[in-house]
Structure formats: structure tokens, C-alpha cells
Amino acid sequence: MEGILNVTPEKLISTAQEFSASGQTVSSLTQQMTTLVKGLSSSWQGEASTAYVNKFNQLQDDIEKFNRMIQEHVNDLTEMARVYQEAESANVEVASGLPTDALV
């Protein structure tokens, strides 16, 4: 059927965890890159070095924004899973309260 999305809360949570792990990897790699760039300053000085560090800092800002977006997706997926689970629980409760002897 077109327009129907079949997903489970468990799949949403699993995907959120994958996004979170990716965000942690991005953060770790960014820290490693920052360490390398800072290490260059002891052996590379001058205008070119300054320009490179400035460009890297701009890139680092973009990476941090990207990582915040990843975390927003994690939060959104987790919230969707919670809402889905609450709706399913409410549906089960309503269904269990329906009369079973309606055709008697």
C-alpha cells in the first residue's frame, strides 16, 4: 500500500542508537583532528599556518552543527518510539475493555 509506513518502536530505537553511535564517532574524529591541527602549530608557523587553522576552526564549527543535528534526529526517533509505544498501550487497553459477548 502506498503511503503506509510500517515501523516498530524497537526499529526506531535501534535507528536512534545507530545515529547516536555515528555522532560519537564524528565527535571522536573531530577531537583527533583538532589534536593534529594543534600539533602542527609547533612546527608550522606563519600566515599559511594561521589561515589553515582558521579554516579548520570554521570546519570544526560546521562539524559541531552537524553533530547537533544528528543528536536532534536521535531525540526525534526516541520520542516517536515513545509516542508509538504509548499509543499501542492505549489501544490494547481499549481493546481489552471491549465486550466479548456482543453476539450472544
N, C-alpha and C. Protein backbone atom coordinates (compact mmCIF):
# COMPACT_ATOMS: atom_id res chain seq x y z
N MET A 1 0.84 -1.19 0.00
CA MET A 1 0.00 0.00 0.00
C MET A 1 0.88 1.24 0.00
N GLU A 2 0.53 2.18 -0.83
CA GLU A 2 1.28 3.41 -0.87
C GLU A 2 0.91 4.29 0.32
N GLY A 3 1.91 5.02 0.81
CA GLY A 3 1.67 5.96 1.88
C GLY A 3 1.61 5.37 3.27
N ILE A 4 1.84 4.07 3.39
CA ILE A 4 1.82 3.45 4.71
C ILE A 4 3.25 3.11 5.09
N LEU A 5 3.61 3.51 6.26
CA LEU A 5 4.95 3.25 6.77
C LEU A 5 4.84 2.26 7.91
N ASN A 6 5.45 1.12 7.74
CA ASN A 6 5.43 0.10 8.78
C ASN A 6 6.74 0.16 9.55
N VAL A 7 6.64 0.50 10.79
CA VAL A 7 7.83 0.60 11.64
C VAL A 7 7.43 0.21 13.05
N THR A 8 8.39 -0.29 13.79
CA THR A 8 8.13 -0.65 15.18
C THR A 8 8.90 0.30 16.09
N PRO A 9 8.46 0.43 17.33
CA PRO A 9 9.22 1.24 18.28
C PRO A 9 10.65 0.73 18.43
N GLU A 10 10.80 -0.59 18.38
CA GLU A 10 12.14 -1.17 18.52
C GLU A 10 13.05 -0.75 17.37
N LYS A 11 12.50 -0.68 16.16
CA LYS A 11 13.29 -0.25 15.00
C LYS A 11 13.65 1.23 15.13
N LEU A 12 12.73 2.03 15.61
CA LEU A 12 13.02 3.45 15.83
C LEU A 12 14.13 3.63 16.85
N ILE A 13 14.05 2.87 17.93
CA ILE A 13 15.07 2.96 18.99
C ILE A 13 16.41 2.46 18.46
N SER A 14 16.40 1.38 17.71
CA SER A 14 17.62 0.83 17.13
C SER A 14 18.28 1.85 16.19
N THR A 15 17.47 2.49 15.38
CA THR A 15 17.99 3.50 14.45
C THR A 15 18.52 4.70 15.22
N ALA A 16 17.84 5.10 16.28
CA ALA A 16 18.33 6.20 17.12
C ALA A 16 19.69 5.85 17.71
N GLN A 17 19.85 4.61 18.14
CA GLN A 17 21.13 4.18 18.71
C GLN A 17 22.24 4.21 17.65
N GLU A 18 21.90 3.84 16.42
CA GLU A 18 22.88 3.89 15.33
C GLU A 18 23.29 5.34 15.06
N PHE A 19 22.31 6.24 15.01
CA PHE A 19 22.62 7.66 14.83
C PHE A 19 23.51 8.16 15.96
N SER A 20 23.19 7.78 17.18
CA SER A 20 23.97 8.21 18.34
C SER A 20 25.41 7.73 18.24
N ALA A 21 25.59 6.48 17.85
CA ALA A 21 26.94 5.93 17.69
C ALA A 21 27.70 6.68 16.60
N SER A 22 27.01 7.02 15.52
CA SER A 22 27.65 7.79 14.45
C SER A 22 28.06 9.17 14.95
N GLY A 23 27.21 9.79 15.74
CA GLY A 23 27.54 11.09 16.31
C GLY A 23 28.75 11.02 17.22
N GLN A 24 28.84 9.95 18.00
CA GLN A 24 30.00 9.78 18.87
C GLN A 24 31.27 9.58 18.05
N THR A 25 31.16 8.87 16.94
CA THR A 25 32.31 8.68 16.06
C THR A 25 32.75 10.01 15.47
N VAL A 26 31.80 10.81 15.03
CA VAL A 26 32.11 12.13 14.48
C VAL A 26 32.82 12.97 15.54
N SER A 27 32.32 12.97 16.77
CA SER A 27 32.95 13.74 17.85
C SER A 27 34.37 13.27 18.11
N SER A 28 34.56 11.97 18.15
CA SER A 28 35.88 11.42 18.41
C SER A 28 36.86 11.79 17.30
N LEU A 29 36.43 11.65 16.06
CA LEU A 29 37.30 12.00 14.93
C LEU A 29 37.62 13.50 14.92
N THR A 30 36.63 14.31 15.28
CA THR A 30 36.86 15.76 15.34
C THR A 30 37.90 16.10 16.40
N GLN A 31 37.82 15.44 17.54
CA GLN A 31 38.82 15.67 18.59
C GLN A 31 40.22 15.26 18.12
N GLN A 32 40.31 14.13 17.42
CA GLN A 32 41.60 13.69 16.90
C GLN A 32 42.15 14.68 15.88
N MET A 33 41.28 15.18 15.01
CA MET A 33 41.71 16.17 14.02
C MET A 33 42.18 17.44 14.70
N THR A 34 41.46 17.88 15.72
CA THR A 34 41.84 19.09 16.45
C THR A 34 43.22 18.93 17.08
N THR A 35 43.47 17.77 17.66
CA THR A 35 44.77 17.49 18.26
C THR A 35 45.87 17.56 17.20
N LEU A 36 45.63 16.99 16.04
CA LEU A 36 46.62 17.02 14.96
C LEU A 36 46.89 18.45 14.49
N VAL A 37 45.83 19.23 14.31
CA VAL A 37 45.99 20.61 13.84
C VAL A 37 46.75 21.43 14.87
N LYS A 38 46.42 21.25 16.15
CA LYS A 38 47.14 21.99 17.19
C LYS A 38 48.61 21.57 17.23
N GLY A 39 48.87 20.30 16.96
CA GLY A 39 50.25 19.81 16.94
C GLY A 39 51.07 20.41 15.81
N LEU A 40 50.42 20.77 14.73
CA LEU A 40 51.12 21.38 13.61
C LEU A 40 51.70 22.74 13.96
N SER A 41 51.06 23.45 14.87
CA SER A 41 51.49 24.81 15.19
C SER A 41 52.90 24.87 15.77
N SER A 42 53.37 23.77 16.33
CA SER A 42 54.73 23.78 16.88
C SER A 42 55.78 23.68 15.77
N SER A 43 55.41 23.15 14.61
CA SER A 43 56.39 23.01 13.53
C SER A 43 56.04 23.83 12.29
N TRP A 44 54.86 24.41 12.26
CA TRP A 44 54.43 25.18 11.09
C TRP A 44 53.89 26.51 11.57
N GLN A 45 54.58 27.58 11.21
CA GLN A 45 54.18 28.91 11.64
C GLN A 45 54.11 29.83 10.44
N GLY A 46 53.44 30.94 10.61
CA GLY A 46 53.33 31.91 9.53
C GLY A 46 51.89 32.10 9.09
N GLU A 47 51.74 32.89 8.02
CA GLU A 47 50.41 33.23 7.54
C GLU A 47 49.65 32.00 7.02
N ALA A 48 50.35 31.13 6.34
CA ALA A 48 49.69 29.93 5.81
C ALA A 48 49.18 29.05 6.95
N SER A 49 49.98 28.94 7.99
CA SER A 49 49.56 28.15 9.15
C SER A 49 48.32 28.77 9.80
N THR A 50 48.36 30.07 9.97
CA THR A 50 47.23 30.77 10.57
C THR A 50 45.97 30.61 9.72
N ALA A 51 46.11 30.74 8.41
CA ALA A 51 44.97 30.58 7.50
C ALA A 51 44.42 29.16 7.59
N TYR A 52 45.31 28.17 7.67
CA TYR A 52 44.88 26.78 7.76
C TYR A 52 44.11 26.53 9.06
N VAL A 53 44.65 27.02 10.17
CA VAL A 53 43.99 26.84 11.46
C VAL A 53 42.62 27.53 11.46
N ASN A 54 42.54 28.72 10.88
CA ASN A 54 41.26 29.43 10.81
C ASN A 54 40.24 28.65 9.98
N LYS A 55 40.67 28.11 8.84
CA LYS A 55 39.78 27.30 8.01
C LYS A 55 39.33 26.05 8.76
N PHE A 56 40.26 25.43 9.47
CA PHE A 56 39.90 24.24 10.23
C PHE A 56 38.88 24.59 11.31
N ASN A 57 39.07 25.70 11.99
CA ASN A 57 38.13 26.11 13.03
C ASN A 57 36.73 26.32 12.46
N GLN A 58 36.65 26.88 11.24
CA GLN A 58 35.34 27.04 10.59
C GLN A 58 34.74 25.67 10.30
N LEU A 59 35.58 24.76 9.82
CA LEU A 59 35.12 23.40 9.54
C LEU A 59 34.65 22.73 10.83
N GLN A 60 35.39 22.95 11.90
CA GLN A 60 35.02 22.36 13.18
C GLN A 60 33.65 22.87 13.63
N ASP A 61 33.38 24.14 13.43
CA ASP A 61 32.06 24.69 13.77
C ASP A 61 30.96 23.99 12.97
N ASP A 62 31.22 23.77 11.68
CA ASP A 62 30.24 23.08 10.83
C ASP A 62 30.04 21.64 11.30
N ILE A 63 31.11 20.98 11.67
CA ILE A 63 31.02 19.60 12.16
C ILE A 63 30.20 19.55 13.44
N GLU A 64 30.41 20.50 14.33
CA GLU A 64 29.65 20.55 15.58
C GLU A 64 28.16 20.78 15.31
N LYS A 65 27.84 21.64 14.33
CA LYS A 65 26.44 21.84 13.95
C LYS A 65 25.85 20.54 13.41
N PHE A 66 26.61 19.86 12.56
CA PHE A 66 26.17 18.59 12.00
C PHE A 66 25.92 17.58 13.12
N ASN A 67 26.80 17.55 14.09
CA ASN A 67 26.65 16.61 15.20
C ASN A 67 25.42 16.94 16.04
N ARG A 68 25.12 18.22 16.21
CA ARG A 68 23.90 18.61 16.92
C ARG A 68 22.66 18.15 16.14
N MET A 69 22.73 18.22 14.83
CA MET A 69 21.62 17.75 14.00
C MET A 69 21.44 16.24 14.17
N ILE A 70 22.54 15.51 14.24
CA ILE A 70 22.47 14.07 14.48
C ILE A 70 21.76 13.81 15.80
N GLN A 71 22.14 14.55 16.83
CA GLN A 71 21.52 14.36 18.15
C GLN A 71 20.04 14.71 18.12
N GLU A 72 19.66 15.71 17.33
CA GLU A 72 18.24 16.04 17.19
C GLU A 72 17.48 14.86 16.58
N HIS A 73 18.10 14.21 15.60
CA HIS A 73 17.46 13.03 15.00
C HIS A 73 17.32 11.91 16.03
N VAL A 74 18.34 11.74 16.85
CA VAL A 74 18.28 10.73 17.91
C VAL A 74 17.09 11.03 18.82
N ASN A 75 16.98 12.27 19.24
CA ASN A 75 15.89 12.67 20.13
C ASN A 75 14.53 12.48 19.46
N ASP A 76 14.43 12.87 18.18
CA ASP A 76 13.16 12.73 17.46
C ASP A 76 12.75 11.27 17.33
N LEU A 77 13.69 10.41 16.95
CA LEU A 77 13.38 8.99 16.80
C LEU A 77 12.97 8.37 18.13
N THR A 78 13.67 8.74 19.19
CA THR A 78 13.34 8.22 20.52
C THR A 78 11.95 8.68 20.95
N GLU A 79 11.63 9.93 20.67
CA GLU A 79 10.30 10.47 21.01
C GLU A 79 9.22 9.77 20.20
N MET A 80 9.47 9.55 18.91
CA MET A 80 8.49 8.84 18.08
C MET A 80 8.24 7.44 18.63
N ALA A 81 9.29 6.77 19.05
CA ALA A 81 9.14 5.42 19.61
C ALA A 81 8.31 5.46 20.88
N ARG A 82 8.55 6.47 21.72
CA ARG A 82 7.80 6.59 22.98
C ARG A 82 6.31 6.82 22.68
N VAL A 83 6.02 7.74 21.77
CA VAL A 83 4.63 8.04 21.42
C VAL A 83 3.95 6.81 20.82
N TYR A 84 4.66 6.12 19.96
CA TYR A 84 4.13 4.90 19.34
C TYR A 84 3.80 3.87 20.41
N GLN A 85 4.73 3.66 21.36
CA GLN A 85 4.50 2.69 22.43
C GLN A 85 3.31 3.08 23.30
N GLU A 86 3.19 4.37 23.61
CA GLU A 86 2.06 4.83 24.42
C GLU A 86 0.74 4.61 23.67
N ALA A 87 0.72 4.89 22.38
CA ALA A 87 -0.50 4.70 21.59
C ALA A 87 -0.86 3.22 21.52
N GLU A 88 0.12 2.36 21.34
CA GLU A 88 -0.14 0.93 21.30
C GLU A 88 -0.68 0.43 22.64
N SER A 89 -0.11 0.91 23.73
CA SER A 89 -0.59 0.52 25.06
C SER A 89 -2.03 0.97 25.26
N ALA A 90 -2.33 2.19 24.84
CA ALA A 90 -3.70 2.70 24.97
C ALA A 90 -4.66 1.87 24.12
N ASN A 91 -4.23 1.50 22.92
CA ASN A 91 -5.09 0.68 22.05
C ASN A 91 -5.35 -0.69 22.65
N VAL A 92 -4.34 -1.29 23.24
CA VAL A 92 -4.50 -2.59 23.89
C VAL A 92 -5.48 -2.47 25.05
N GLU A 93 -5.36 -1.39 25.82
CA GLU A 93 -6.25 -1.18 26.96
C GLU A 93 -7.70 -1.02 26.50
N VAL A 94 -7.91 -0.24 25.45
CA VAL A 94 -9.26 -0.04 24.92
C VAL A 94 -9.80 -1.36 24.38
N ALA A 95 -8.98 -2.08 23.63
CA ALA A 95 -9.43 -3.35 23.05
C ALA A 95 -9.77 -4.37 24.12
N SER A 96 -9.02 -4.39 25.19
CA SER A 96 -9.29 -5.36 26.25
C SER A 96 -10.57 -5.02 27.02
N GLY A 97 -11.01 -3.79 26.93
CA GLY A 97 -12.24 -3.38 27.60
C GLY A 97 -13.49 -3.58 26.77
N LEU A 98 -13.32 -3.98 25.52
CA LEU A 98 -14.49 -4.20 24.67
C LEU A 98 -15.23 -5.46 25.11
N PRO A 99 -16.55 -5.43 24.98
CA PRO A 99 -17.32 -6.62 25.39
C PRO A 99 -17.01 -7.80 24.48
N THR A 100 -16.95 -8.97 25.07
CA THR A 100 -16.66 -10.18 24.31
C THR A 100 -17.92 -10.96 23.98
N ASP A 101 -19.04 -10.54 24.54
CA ASP A 101 -20.29 -11.28 24.34
C ASP A 101 -21.30 -10.49 23.50
N ALA A 102 -20.82 -9.70 22.57
CA ALA A 102 -21.70 -8.83 21.79
C ALA A 102 -22.63 -9.60 20.86
N LEU A 103 -22.27 -10.79 20.47
CA LEU A 103 -23.09 -11.55 19.52
C LEU A 103 -23.93 -12.62 20.20
N VAL A 104 -24.00 -12.64 21.48
CA VAL A 104 -24.75 -13.68 22.19
C VAL A 104 -26.21 -13.35 22.26
